[in-house]
Amino acid sequence: MAGKIPRNFIDDLLARTDIVELIDSKVGLKKAGKDYQACCPFHNEKSPSFTVSQDKQFYHCFGCGANGNAISFVMEYDKLEFVDAIEELASILNLDVPREQGSSNGPERTAEQKRSDYDLMLHSARFYQHQLKHHANSATVIDYVKGRGLSGETVKKFMIGYAPSEWEGLCLQLGRNKEQKEQLVELKLASEKTP
């Protein structure tokens, strides 16, 4: 399902979830003072170093360092992505996960706009690749890249380039008209201050 999950829903979900009940249903906790303990489900151990605090709604393992809230526990224990963990917790509480309509990037782009965006990003990558080989600083930059252990093959495969400090270079090369400059700004390849 598309759309961002509202932050207030995530906060409410955490407030409604009792981390002790959640973890106890999967691991089996024992009361230890005001907290609960178990052998850590994330690494092998003989004596319990995994602690769950009901007051703080937080878990921590003193053995491996695993820690977090109910969402991070479900992500780690069930090997789920963030959104899937939210949906899993919501399902346990019989809640529907709301989604925000639209996006911060404006209306959905057409296939033609997406193709144009892709082409512009590809041209941008090629511009930076060219800068890596032909800029006045290229010898220094290439030495730096080699010093990082990157081979020429890796640089080519991942289209690694060089963005010189002259920040307007890409816009001068690719932003030949107003529409292209606006597209560069939309794609966050240039700022609105670019000439």
C-alpha atoms as a PDB file:
ATOM      1  CA  MET A   1       0.000   0.000   0.000  1.00  0.00           C
ATOM      2  CA  ALA A   2       1.427   3.380  -0.983  1.00  0.00           C
ATOM      3  CA  GLY A   3       1.697   6.388   1.270  1.00  0.00           C
ATOM      4  CA  LYS A   4       3.624   7.276   4.362  1.00  0.00           C
ATOM      5  CA  ILE A   5       2.534   5.989   7.776  1.00  0.00           C
ATOM      6  CA  PRO A   6       1.701   9.009   9.964  1.00  0.00           C
ATOM      7  CA  ARG A   7       4.129   9.583  12.851  1.00  0.00           C
ATOM      8  CA  ASN A   8       1.276  10.007  15.341  1.00  0.00           C
ATOM      9  CA  PHE A   9       0.016   6.507  14.446  1.00  0.00           C
ATOM     10  CA  ILE A  10       3.459   5.037  15.131  1.00  0.00           C
ATOM     11  CA  ASP A  11       3.611   6.843  18.486  1.00  0.00           C
ATOM     12  CA  ASP A  12       0.095   5.614  19.362  1.00  0.00           C
ATOM     13  CA  LEU A  13       1.000   2.063  18.319  1.00  0.00           C
ATOM     14  CA  LEU A  14       4.015   2.102  20.651  1.00  0.00           C
ATOM     15  CA  ALA A  15       1.898   3.525  23.481  1.00  0.00           C
ATOM     16  CA  ARG A  16      -0.709   0.743  23.062  1.00  0.00           C
ATOM     17  CA  THR A  17       1.833  -2.078  22.799  1.00  0.00           C
ATOM     18  CA  ASP A  18       3.046  -3.616  26.047  1.00  0.00           C
ATOM     19  CA  ILE A  19       6.611  -4.618  25.225  1.00  0.00           C
ATOM     20  CA  VAL A  20       6.672  -7.160  28.072  1.00  0.00           C
ATOM     21  CA  GLU A  21       3.605  -9.000  26.709  1.00  0.00           C
ATOM     22  CA  LEU A  22       4.983  -8.833  23.168  1.00  0.00           C
ATOM     23  CA  ILE A  23       8.423 -10.217  23.994  1.00  0.00           C
ATOM     24  CA  ASP A  24       7.079 -12.731  26.540  1.00  0.00           C
ATOM     25  CA  SER A  25       4.867 -14.232  23.815  1.00  0.00           C
ATOM     26  CA  LYS A  26       7.955 -14.927  21.703  1.00  0.00           C
ATOM     27  CA  VAL A  27      10.797 -15.492  24.164  1.00  0.00           C
ATOM     28  CA  GLY A  28       9.410 -16.241  27.629  1.00  0.00           C
ATOM     29  CA  LEU A  29      10.418 -13.694  30.253  1.00  0.00           C
ATOM     30  CA  LYS A  30      11.014 -14.056  33.995  1.00  0.00           C
ATOM     31  CA  LYS A  31      10.472 -11.265  36.521  1.00  0.00           C
ATOM     32  CA  ALA A  32      13.759  -9.891  37.893  1.00  0.00           C
ATOM     33  CA  GLY A  33      13.143  -7.003  40.276  1.00  0.00           C
ATOM     34  CA  LYS A  34      11.160  -4.322  38.491  1.00  0.00           C
ATOM     35  CA  ASP A  35      12.281  -5.627  35.055  1.00  0.00           C
ATOM     36  CA  TYR A  36      12.063  -8.914  33.161  1.00  0.00           C
ATOM     37  CA  GLN A  37      14.875 -11.141  31.895  1.00  0.00           C
ATOM     38  CA  ALA A  38      15.528 -13.929  29.428  1.00  0.00           C
ATOM     39  CA  CYS A  39      18.355 -15.425  27.449  1.00  0.00           C
ATOM     40  CA  CYS A  40      18.843 -13.142  24.483  1.00  0.00           C
ATOM     41  CA  PRO A  41      16.999 -14.261  21.340  1.00  0.00           C
ATOM     42  CA  PHE A  42      19.624 -12.550  19.161  1.00  0.00           C
ATOM     43  CA  HIS A  43      22.721 -14.474  20.271  1.00  0.00           C
ATOM     44  CA  ASN A  44      23.546 -17.734  22.057  1.00  0.00           C
ATOM     45  CA  GLU A  45      24.098 -17.443  25.792  1.00  0.00           C
ATOM     46  CA  LYS A  46      23.764 -19.623  28.873  1.00  0.00           C
ATOM     47  CA  SER A  47      22.790 -17.016  31.461  1.00  0.00           C
ATOM     48  CA  PRO A  48      20.179 -14.306  30.833  1.00  0.00           C
ATOM     49  CA  SER A  49      21.550 -10.900  29.866  1.00  0.00           C
ATOM     50  CA  PHE A  50      18.454  -9.736  27.969  1.00  0.00           C
ATOM     51  CA  THR A  51      16.396  -7.268  30.036  1.00  0.00           C
ATOM     52  CA  VAL A  52      12.984  -5.755  29.309  1.00  0.00           C
ATOM     53  CA  SER A  53      11.728  -2.695  31.162  1.00  0.00           C
ATOM     54  CA  GLN A  54       7.972  -2.329  31.481  1.00  0.00           C
ATOM     55  CA  ASP A  55       8.331   1.255  32.742  1.00  0.00           C
ATOM     56  CA  LYS A  56      10.496   2.369  29.833  1.00  0.00           C
ATOM     57  CA  GLN A  57       8.928   0.038  27.231  1.00  0.00           C
ATOM     58  CA  PHE A  58      12.458  -0.812  26.151  1.00  0.00           C
ATOM     59  CA  TYR A  59      14.675  -3.903  25.857  1.00  0.00           C
ATOM     60  CA  HIS A  60      18.445  -4.203  26.158  1.00  0.00           C
ATOM     61  CA  CYS A  61      20.901  -7.095  25.965  1.00  0.00           C
ATOM     62  CA  PHE A  62      24.057  -6.601  28.000  1.00  0.00           C
ATOM     63  CA  GLY A  63      25.706  -9.417  26.025  1.00  0.00           C
ATOM     64  CA  CYS A  64      25.324  -8.355  22.396  1.00  0.00           C
ATOM     65  CA  GLY A  65      24.065  -4.788  22.803  1.00  0.00           C
ATOM     66  CA  ALA A  66      20.722  -5.339  21.062  1.00  0.00           C
ATOM     67  CA  ASN A  67      18.224  -2.751  22.262  1.00  0.00           C
ATOM     68  CA  GLY A  68      15.143  -0.840  21.257  1.00  0.00           C
ATOM     69  CA  ASN A  69      11.381  -0.597  21.450  1.00  0.00           C
ATOM     70  CA  ALA A  70       8.569  -2.906  20.344  1.00  0.00           C
ATOM     71  CA  ILE A  71       9.010  -2.016  16.666  1.00  0.00           C
ATOM     72  CA  SER A  72      12.744  -2.702  16.627  1.00  0.00           C
ATOM     73  CA  PHE A  73      12.178  -5.982  18.500  1.00  0.00           C
ATOM     74  CA  VAL A  74       9.685  -7.212  15.896  1.00  0.00           C
ATOM     75  CA  MET A  75      12.008  -6.092  13.103  1.00  0.00           C
ATOM     76  CA  GLU A  76      14.963  -7.957  14.595  1.00  0.00           C
ATOM     77  CA  TYR A  77      13.155 -11.048  15.911  1.00  0.00           C
ATOM     78  CA  ASP A  78      10.881 -11.625  12.908  1.00  0.00           C
ATOM     79  CA  LYS A  79      13.414 -10.255  10.387  1.00  0.00           C
ATOM     80  CA  LEU A  80      10.965  -7.686   9.027  1.00  0.00           C
ATOM     81  CA  GLU A  81      11.393  -4.274   7.445  1.00  0.00           C
ATOM     82  CA  PHE A  82      10.125  -1.231   9.365  1.00  0.00           C
ATOM     83  CA  VAL A  83       6.755  -0.960   7.580  1.00  0.00           C
ATOM     84  CA  ASP A  84       6.137  -4.709   7.896  1.00  0.00           C
ATOM     85  CA  ALA A  85       6.901  -4.545  11.628  1.00  0.00           C
ATOM     86  CA  ILE A  86       4.391  -1.684  12.018  1.00  0.00           C
ATOM     87  CA  GLU A  87       1.778  -3.744  10.167  1.00  0.00           C
ATOM     88  CA  GLU A  88       2.541  -6.797  12.330  1.00  0.00           C
ATOM     89  CA  LEU A  89       2.107  -4.844  15.584  1.00  0.00           C
ATOM     90  CA  ALA A  90      -1.052  -3.169  14.262  1.00  0.00           C
ATOM     91  CA  SER A  91      -2.441  -6.587  13.348  1.00  0.00           C
ATOM     92  CA  ILE A  92      -1.797  -7.873  16.897  1.00  0.00           C
ATOM     93  CA  LEU A  93      -3.794  -4.902  18.224  1.00  0.00           C
ATOM     94  CA  ASN A  94      -6.484  -5.234  15.494  1.00  0.00           C
ATOM     95  CA  LEU A  95      -5.661  -1.791  14.089  1.00  0.00           C
ATOM     96  CA  ASP A  96      -5.651  -0.669  10.482  1.00  0.00           C
ATOM     97  CA  VAL A  97      -2.491   1.140   9.417  1.00  0.00           C
ATOM     98  CA  PRO A  98      -3.429   4.550   8.018  1.00  0.00           C
ATOM     99  CA  ARG A  99      -1.503   6.055   5.127  1.00  0.00           C
ATOM    100  CA  GLU A 100      -0.992   9.697   4.308  1.00  0.00           C
ATOM    101  CA  GLN A 101      -2.329  10.637   0.907  1.00  0.00           C
ATOM    102  CA  GLY A 102      -0.008  12.086  -1.695  1.00  0.00           C
ATOM    103  CA  SER A 103       3.645  12.708  -1.115  1.00  0.00           C
ATOM    104  CA  SER A 104       5.954  15.561  -0.360  1.00  0.00           C
ATOM    105  CA  ASN A 105       7.308  15.298  -3.889  1.00  0.00           C
ATOM    106  CA  GLY A 106       4.097  16.547  -5.451  1.00  0.00           C
ATOM    107  CA  PRO A 107       1.809  14.680  -7.832  1.00  0.00           C
ATOM    108  CA  GLU A 108       2.681  11.293  -9.301  1.00  0.00           C
ATOM    109  CA  ARG A 109       4.987  11.600 -12.285  1.00  0.00           C
ATOM    110  CA  THR A 110       3.970  10.212 -15.670  1.00  0.00           C
ATOM    111  CA  ALA A 111       5.979   7.496 -17.397  1.00  0.00           C
ATOM    112  CA  GLU A 112       7.343  10.128 -19.783  1.00  0.00           C
ATOM    113  CA  GLN A 113       8.428  12.361 -16.870  1.00  0.00           C
ATOM    114  CA  LYS A 114      10.065   9.409 -15.131  1.00  0.00           C
ATOM    115  CA  ARG A 115      11.943   8.540 -18.319  1.00  0.00           C
ATOM    116  CA  SER A 116      13.064  12.152 -18.662  1.00  0.00           C
ATOM    117  CA  ASP A 117      14.183  12.154 -15.003  1.00  0.00           C
ATOM    118  CA  TYR A 118      16.139   8.952 -15.538  1.00  0.00           C
ATOM    119  CA  ASP A 119      17.804  10.353 -18.652  1.00  0.00           C
ATOM    120  CA  LEU A 120      18.782  13.547 -16.842  1.00  0.00           C
ATOM    121  CA  MET A 121      20.207  11.579 -13.898  1.00  0.00           C
ATOM    122  CA  LEU A 122      22.157   9.373 -16.321  1.00  0.00           C
ATOM    123  CA  HIS A 123      23.560  12.462 -18.073  1.00  0.00           C
ATOM    124  CA  SER A 124      24.444  13.899 -14.664  1.00  0.00           C
ATOM    125  CA  ALA A 125      26.304  10.728 -13.703  1.00  0.00           C
ATOM    126  CA  ARG A 126      28.190  10.831 -17.000  1.00  0.00           C
ATOM    127  CA  PHE A 127      29.035  14.503 -16.419  1.00  0.00           C
ATOM    128  CA  TYR A 128      30.588  13.610 -13.054  1.00  0.00           C
ATOM    129  CA  GLN A 129      32.395  10.612 -14.556  1.00  0.00           C
ATOM    130  CA  HIS A 130      33.863  12.960 -17.169  1.00  0.00           C
ATOM    131  CA  GLN A 131      34.927  15.357 -14.395  1.00  0.00           C
ATOM    132  CA  LEU A 132      36.776  12.502 -12.684  1.00  0.00           C
ATOM    133  CA  LYS A 133      38.930  11.998 -15.773  1.00  0.00           C
ATOM    134  CA  HIS A 134      39.251  15.517 -17.178  1.00  0.00           C
ATOM    135  CA  HIS A 135      38.923  18.104 -14.375  1.00  0.00           C
ATOM    136  CA  ALA A 136      42.006  20.111 -13.391  1.00  0.00           C
ATOM    137  CA  ASN A 137      42.007  18.240 -10.042  1.00  0.00           C
ATOM    138  CA  SER A 138      41.504  14.798 -11.586  1.00  0.00           C
ATOM    139  CA  ALA A 139      45.018  13.499 -10.803  1.00  0.00           C
ATOM    140  CA  THR A 140      44.544  14.253  -7.097  1.00  0.00           C
ATOM    141  CA  VAL A 141      41.031  12.798  -7.106  1.00  0.00           C
ATOM    142  CA  ILE A 142      42.119   9.629  -8.931  1.00  0.00           C
ATOM    143  CA  ASP A 143      44.917   9.138  -6.379  1.00  0.00           C
ATOM    144  CA  TYR A 144      42.310   9.513  -3.623  1.00  0.00           C
ATOM    145  CA  VAL A 145      40.011   6.960  -5.278  1.00  0.00           C
ATOM    146  CA  LYS A 146      42.889   4.493  -5.681  1.00  0.00           C
ATOM    147  CA  GLY A 147      43.873   5.112  -2.053  1.00  0.00           C
ATOM    148  CA  ARG A 148      40.357   4.053  -1.057  1.00  0.00           C
ATOM    149  CA  GLY A 149      41.016   0.710  -2.753  1.00  0.00           C
ATOM    150  CA  LEU A 150      38.676   1.243  -5.701  1.00  0.00           C
ATOM    151  CA  SER A 151      39.789  -0.261  -8.997  1.00  0.00           C
ATOM    152  CA  GLY A 152      39.119   1.315 -12.370  1.00  0.00           C
ATOM    153  CA  GLU A 153      36.636  -1.490 -13.004  1.00  0.00           C
ATOM    154  CA  THR A 154      34.711  -0.639  -9.815  1.00  0.00           C
ATOM    155  CA  VAL A 155      34.706   3.066 -10.659  1.00  0.00           C
ATOM    156  CA  LYS A 156      33.299   2.285 -14.101  1.00  0.00           C
ATOM    157  CA  LYS A 157      30.769  -0.317 -12.888  1.00  0.00           C
ATOM    158  CA  PHE A 158      29.271   1.994 -10.243  1.00  0.00           C
ATOM    159  CA  MET A 159      29.608   5.142 -12.367  1.00  0.00           C
ATOM    160  CA  ILE A 160      31.701   6.888  -9.723  1.00  0.00           C
ATOM    161  CA  GLY A 161      32.545  10.448 -10.617  1.00  0.00           C
ATOM    162  CA  TYR A 162      33.853  13.687  -9.198  1.00  0.00           C
ATOM    163  CA  ALA A 163      31.772  16.690  -8.163  1.00  0.00           C
ATOM    164  CA  PRO A 164      34.094  19.688  -8.281  1.00  0.00           C
ATOM    165  CA  SER A 165      33.702  22.580  -5.886  1.00  0.00           C
ATOM    166  CA  GLU A 166      32.500  24.726  -8.789  1.00  0.00           C
ATOM    167  CA  TRP A 167      28.899  23.829  -7.929  1.00  0.00           C
ATOM    168  CA  GLU A 168      27.299  25.398 -11.007  1.00  0.00           C
ATOM    169  CA  GLY A 169      29.071  23.057 -13.471  1.00  0.00           C
ATOM    170  CA  LEU A 170      26.238  20.553 -13.839  1.00  0.00           C
ATOM    171  CA  CYS A 171      23.638  23.273 -14.327  1.00  0.00           C
ATOM    172  CA  LEU A 172      25.748  25.012 -16.957  1.00  0.00           C
ATOM    173  CA  GLN A 173      26.217  21.700 -18.771  1.00  0.00           C
ATOM    174  CA  LEU A 174      22.698  20.240 -18.523  1.00  0.00           C
ATOM    175  CA  GLY A 175      20.383  23.102 -17.548  1.00  0.00           C
ATOM    176  CA  ARG A 176      20.235  24.689 -20.957  1.00  0.00           C
ATOM    177  CA  ASN A 177      16.696  25.990 -20.576  1.00  0.00           C
ATOM    178  CA  LYS A 178      14.294  26.895 -17.780  1.00  0.00           C
ATOM    179  CA  GLU A 179      12.516  23.503 -17.801  1.00  0.00           C
ATOM    180  CA  GLN A 180      15.785  21.568 -17.518  1.00  0.00           C
ATOM    181  CA  LYS A 181      16.965  23.792 -14.659  1.00  0.00           C
ATOM    182  CA  GLU A 182      13.650  23.225 -12.851  1.00  0.00           C
ATOM    183  CA  GLN A 183      13.986  19.487 -13.407  1.00  0.00           C
ATOM    184  CA  LEU A 184      17.534  19.533 -11.967  1.00  0.00           C
ATOM    185  CA  VAL A 185      16.166  21.302  -8.872  1.00  0.00           C
ATOM    186  CA  GLU A 186      13.230  18.835  -8.553  1.00  0.00           C
ATOM    187  CA  LEU A 187      15.674  15.927  -8.680  1.00  0.00           C
ATOM    188  CA  LYS A 188      17.859  17.640  -6.061  1.00  0.00           C
ATOM    189  CA  LEU A 189      20.776  17.731  -8.495  1.00  0.00           C
ATOM    190  CA  ALA A 190      20.939  21.529  -8.263  1.00  0.00           C
ATOM    191  CA  SER A 191      19.698  24.185  -5.901  1.00  0.00           C
ATOM    192  CA  GLU A 192      17.355  27.002  -6.790  1.00  0.00           C
ATOM    193  CA  LYS A 193      20.255  29.413  -6.308  1.00  0.00           C
ATOM    194  CA  THR A 194      22.097  27.901  -9.272  1.00  0.00           C
ATOM    195  CA  PRO A 195      22.474  30.417 -12.129  1.00  0.00           C
END
